[in-house]
Protein backbone atom coordinates (compact mmCIF):
# COMPACT_ATOMS: atom_id res chain seq x y z
CA MET A 1 170.17 134.17 37.89
CA LEU A 2 171.18 135.92 41.38
CA MET A 3 167.73 135.47 42.23
CA ARG A 4 167.46 131.97 41.89
CA PRO A 5 169.44 130.72 44.78
CA LEU A 6 167.72 133.33 47.08
CA VAL A 7 164.23 131.89 46.24
CA LEU A 8 165.19 128.05 46.56
CA SER A 9 166.33 128.83 50.00
CA LEU A 10 163.29 130.55 50.94
CA LEU A 11 161.26 127.43 49.49
CA CYS A 12 163.51 125.12 51.82
CA CYS A 13 162.71 126.94 54.61
CA LEU A 14 158.98 126.97 54.06
CA LEU A 15 159.29 123.04 53.42
CA LEU A 16 161.05 122.49 56.60
CA ALA A 17 158.76 124.72 58.34
CA CYS A 18 155.45 122.94 57.23
CA GLY A 19 157.12 119.22 57.50
CA GLY A 20 158.03 117.21 60.63
CA ASN A 21 154.49 115.80 61.80
CA ASP A 22 156.58 114.47 64.49
CA TYR A 23 157.67 117.97 65.99
CA ARG A 24 155.98 118.84 69.57
CA ALA A 25 155.74 122.60 69.88
CA PRO A 26 156.71 123.88 73.43
CA ILE A 27 154.28 125.16 76.31
CA GLU A 28 155.02 128.92 74.99
CA ASP A 29 153.64 127.97 71.61
CA ARG A 30 150.77 126.23 72.17
CA ARG A 31 149.28 128.21 75.31
CA ALA A 32 150.95 131.47 74.72
CA ARG A 33 148.47 133.33 77.16
CA LEU A 34 146.09 132.52 79.22
CA ARG A 35 143.04 131.47 77.49
CA ASN A 36 139.78 133.31 77.88
CA ALA A 37 137.38 131.66 79.56
CA PRO A 38 133.92 130.88 78.28
CA SER A 39 130.88 131.84 80.03
CA VAL A 40 129.88 128.06 80.30
CA TYR A 41 132.10 124.99 80.12
CA VAL A 42 130.73 121.77 79.74
CA VAL A 43 132.77 119.12 81.58
CA ARG A 44 134.53 115.99 79.61
CA LYS A 45 135.43 112.85 81.34
CA GLY A 46 138.54 112.73 83.10
CA GLU A 47 139.06 116.63 84.16
CA THR A 48 138.80 118.20 87.46
CA LEU A 49 137.82 121.41 88.77
CA TYR A 50 141.29 122.29 89.55
CA SER A 51 142.82 121.55 85.86
CA ILE A 52 139.59 123.43 84.69
CA SER A 53 140.43 126.23 86.70
CA TRP A 54 144.09 126.05 85.84
CA ARG A 55 143.38 126.19 82.12
CA TYR A 56 141.84 129.35 82.64
CA GLY A 57 143.77 131.04 85.01
CA LEU A 58 140.87 130.71 87.43
CA ASP A 59 140.56 130.40 91.46
CA TYR A 60 139.09 126.83 91.63
CA ARG A 61 137.42 127.78 94.77
CA ARG A 62 135.49 130.73 93.09
CA VAL A 63 134.48 128.45 90.26
CA ALA A 64 133.15 125.97 93.00
CA ALA A 65 131.30 128.89 94.72
CA ALA A 66 129.86 130.23 91.81
CA ASN A 67 128.50 126.62 90.59
CA GLY A 68 127.38 125.57 94.25
CA ILE A 69 129.88 122.74 94.27
CA ASP A 70 130.80 121.81 98.15
CA SER A 71 134.40 121.34 99.03
CA SER A 72 134.80 118.01 98.12
CA TYR A 73 134.97 119.67 94.63
CA THR A 74 133.63 116.95 92.75
CA ILE A 75 132.39 117.33 89.03
CA PHE A 76 131.10 114.91 86.61
CA PRO A 77 130.87 114.60 82.56
CA GLY A 78 128.39 116.54 80.81
CA GLN A 79 128.28 119.09 84.10
CA LYS A 80 127.77 122.57 82.87
CA LEU A 81 130.19 124.93 85.05
CA TYR A 82 129.51 128.79 84.76
CA LEU A 83 133.12 130.44 84.76
CA LYS A 84 132.11 133.93 84.47
CA ARG A 85 129.42 133.76 87.32
CA LYS A 86 130.15 136.06 90.44
CA PRO A 87 130.26 133.61 93.56
CA PRO A 88 129.47 134.71 96.62
CA PRO A 89 132.00 135.99 99.26
CA VAL A 90 134.80 133.10 99.48
CA THR A 91 135.50 131.72 102.78
CA VAL A 92 138.63 129.43 103.66
CA SER A 93 137.32 125.59 104.02
CA SER A 94 139.49 122.61 104.76
CA ALA A 95 140.74 121.23 101.82
CA LYS A 96 139.15 117.80 100.51
CA LYS A 97 140.28 115.28 97.87
CA THR A 98 139.73 115.78 94.39
CA THR A 99 137.32 113.14 92.38
CA ARG A 100 137.94 112.91 88.36
CA ALA A 101 134.67 113.54 86.50
CA THR A 102 134.07 110.05 85.75
CA ALA A 103 130.45 109.60 87.23
CA SER A 104 127.29 110.15 85.11
CA ARG A 105 124.61 112.21 85.64
CA LYS A 106 121.72 110.54 87.30
CA SER A 107 118.54 112.66 86.93
CA THR A 108 117.60 116.54 85.94
CA ALA A 109 117.26 117.23 89.47
CA ALA A 110 120.69 116.34 89.97
CA THR A 111 122.11 119.07 87.56
CA SER A 112 123.77 121.01 90.40
CA LYS A 113 125.06 118.61 92.59
CA THR A 114 127.99 116.61 92.75
CA THR A 115 127.50 112.84 92.46
CA ALA A 116 129.97 111.30 94.77
CA GLN A 117 131.45 112.59 97.97
CA ALA A 118 135.73 112.76 98.33
CA LYS A 119 137.71 111.62 101.28
CA PRO A 120 138.85 114.42 103.15
CA GLY A 121 142.49 115.26 102.36
CA SER A 122 145.23 115.53 105.08
CA LYS A 123 144.82 118.90 106.88
CA ALA A 124 148.61 118.66 108.01
CA THR A 125 150.09 118.66 104.62
CA VAL A 126 147.29 120.15 102.47
CA SER A 127 146.01 123.02 104.60
CA ALA A 128 149.02 123.95 106.32
CA PRO A 129 151.13 127.44 105.22
CA VAL A 130 154.08 127.11 102.99
CA SER A 131 156.63 128.15 105.25
CA ALA A 132 159.71 127.32 102.99
CA TRP A 133 160.07 126.57 99.06
CA LEU A 134 162.22 123.90 97.61
CA TRP A 135 163.72 123.69 94.14
CA PRO A 136 161.76 120.89 91.95
CA THR A 137 164.91 120.00 90.27
CA SER A 138 168.53 120.18 89.51
CA GLY A 139 169.46 122.11 86.25
CA GLN A 140 169.78 125.62 84.78
CA VAL A 141 166.60 127.83 84.29
CA GLU A 142 166.88 128.19 80.67
CA ARG A 143 163.65 130.09 80.54
CA ARG A 144 162.28 132.75 82.71
CA PHE A 145 158.66 133.65 84.10
CA SER A 146 157.46 136.37 81.75
CA GLY A 147 153.47 136.73 83.01
CA THR A 148 150.85 135.61 80.73
CA VAL A 149 153.29 134.80 77.82
CA HIS A 150 155.47 132.36 79.85
CA LYS A 151 153.72 131.30 82.96
CA GLY A 152 156.92 129.70 84.97
CA VAL A 153 160.10 128.70 84.33
CA ASP A 154 161.46 126.01 82.31
CA ILE A 155 164.42 123.83 83.97
CA SER A 156 166.70 122.07 81.63
CA GLY A 157 168.49 118.50 82.42
CA LYS A 158 168.96 115.00 81.40
CA ARG A 159 165.53 112.53 80.95
CA GLY A 160 164.97 110.65 84.06
CA ASP A 161 166.37 113.61 86.34
CA GLN A 162 164.19 113.63 89.78
CA ILE A 163 161.29 115.94 89.90
CA ARG A 164 160.39 116.60 93.37
CA ALA A 165 157.30 118.38 95.41
CA VAL A 166 158.53 122.16 96.17
CA ALA A 167 156.41 121.90 99.54
CA GLY A 168 153.96 119.49 101.19
CA GLY A 169 150.66 119.17 99.58
CA GLN A 170 148.04 117.11 97.74
CA VAL A 171 148.39 115.82 94.01
CA VAL A 172 144.92 117.50 92.60
CA TYR A 173 145.76 116.48 89.03
CA ALA A 174 147.86 113.69 87.21
CA GLY A 175 147.48 113.43 83.38
CA THR A 176 147.88 115.17 79.70
CA GLY A 177 144.52 116.83 79.42
CA ILE A 178 145.80 120.31 79.35
CA VAL A 179 147.19 120.60 75.93
CA GLY A 180 150.85 122.00 76.09
CA TYR A 181 152.04 120.41 79.38
CA GLY A 182 152.42 116.74 78.61
CA GLU A 183 152.42 114.47 81.66
CA LEU A 184 151.19 116.99 84.21
CA LEU A 185 151.22 117.18 87.73
CA ILE A 186 149.25 119.71 89.84
CA VAL A 187 149.99 119.88 93.38
CA LYS A 188 147.59 121.93 96.11
CA HIS A 189 149.49 123.39 98.87
CA ASN A 190 147.02 125.20 100.69
CA ASP A 191 144.04 127.42 99.83
CA LEU A 192 146.00 129.75 98.16
CA TYR A 193 148.94 128.18 96.48
CA LEU A 194 149.14 125.15 93.56
CA SER A 195 152.55 124.48 91.87
CA ALA A 196 152.53 122.38 88.25
CA TYR A 197 155.55 120.30 86.93
CA GLY A 198 154.95 119.78 83.36
CA HIS A 199 156.61 117.64 80.23
CA ASN A 200 157.52 114.43 82.74
CA ASP A 201 158.59 111.72 81.33
CA LYS A 202 156.78 109.24 84.14
CA LEU A 203 154.48 110.17 86.87
CA LEU A 204 155.35 108.82 90.41
CA VAL A 205 152.31 109.55 92.34
CA ARG A 206 148.76 109.41 91.46
CA GLU A 207 145.92 112.03 91.60
CA GLY A 208 144.42 112.23 95.58
CA ALA A 209 148.00 111.10 96.88
CA SER A 210 149.28 113.66 99.91
CA VAL A 211 153.07 114.19 99.26
CA ARG A 212 155.93 115.75 101.50
CA ALA A 213 158.27 118.78 100.83
CA GLY A 214 161.28 117.11 98.88
CA GLN A 215 159.49 113.79 97.96
CA VAL A 216 160.04 112.59 94.21
CA ILE A 217 156.99 112.86 92.26
CA ALA A 218 158.00 112.47 88.67
CA LYS A 219 160.62 111.66 85.95
CA LYS A 220 162.04 114.73 83.87
CA GLY A 221 161.09 114.10 80.04
CA SER A 222 159.91 115.78 77.08
CA THR A 223 156.38 115.07 76.56
CA GLY A 224 154.65 117.89 75.20
CA THR A 225 157.36 119.77 73.96
CA ASN A 226 160.70 119.34 71.71
CA THR A 227 163.55 119.29 74.49
CA VAL A 228 164.11 117.56 77.68
CA LYS A 229 163.20 120.08 80.65
CA LEU A 230 160.94 120.59 83.42
CA HIS A 231 157.95 123.37 83.00
CA PHE A 232 157.25 124.76 86.72
CA GLU A 233 154.64 127.09 87.83
CA ILE A 234 153.37 128.33 90.96
CA ARG A 235 149.98 129.97 90.86
CA LYS A 236 148.46 132.09 93.51
CA GLU A 237 144.54 132.05 93.73
CA GLY A 238 144.74 130.95 90.13
CA LYS A 239 146.86 133.58 88.80
CA PRO A 240 150.89 132.80 87.75
CA VAL A 241 153.02 134.19 89.94
CA ASP A 242 157.30 134.43 89.27
CA PRO A 243 158.42 131.18 91.15
CA LEU A 244 161.96 132.69 91.15
CA ARG A 245 160.38 135.03 93.96
CA LEU A 246 159.44 132.01 96.26
CA LEU A 247 162.33 129.58 95.58
CA PRO A 248 165.38 129.85 97.58
CA ALA A 249 168.40 131.61 96.10
CA ARG A 250 171.03 129.05 94.45
C-alpha cells in the first residue's frame, strides 16, 4: 500500500513532462551545443550567409572564401555551400550589405556566382573597430556564459524593456530562422565581431540597417523560450566568447 502513492506521483510527473504543447524550450535545450556542420548545406529561402555560419559556429568570411562568394555575401535558395572545404587565406575586406536568399538560380553556369550585388554598407559604422561595448539592456544576468553549452548570457527583465545595440554596426540578420532564439537580431560590428539578441518581443530595425551604439533595436520578450529575457551573445570569428569579458563592469 505504501508503494501506491509513490507510483501515482511518478505517473503524474511523467504526464506533466510529456504534456503541455504550448511549452517552448529555452535556447540551451534546443541547441545545447554548436551543431556539427554538414559537408554540404543547401540554402533555404530567407537565410543569409551570416545566419548559416552562426548556426554552425563558423566564420562567415571563411565560408564565403571556400565557396567563391564575393564580399557582397549574397546567396540564393538552392545554392550548395561547402562548409568543410578549406578556404584560401582570408584577407580583410570592406564589409558590404548582406542579402537574404530570395533570388532563384538562373542557369547551371551560375552555380558558383551570386545572383545580385548588394549595396556597400557604411564603413564608418560597420568596419570601425569596437572601442567600447555597451550593455544591451537593463536587468540581472540570470545565466552566464559556459562555452558551447550556453553560448552567451541571459538577462532578465520585463516584456517590452528596451534592447540596445552594444556597438555600432550593421544588422545582418533579422528573423526567426534559427531555432531556439525566437525573434533574433544579429549585428556585425567589424570583420571580427558579431553580436546577437534573441527572444525579442518586437524587432525595431530591418536587415541591412546601420545602427549606432546604444540605439534601441528591439523590445524584450519571450519568443522561442519560456520566460521573458534577452539571450545575448558575442562571437569573434564565428566562435562564442564570454560577453562579460567585453561589457563594462556594472
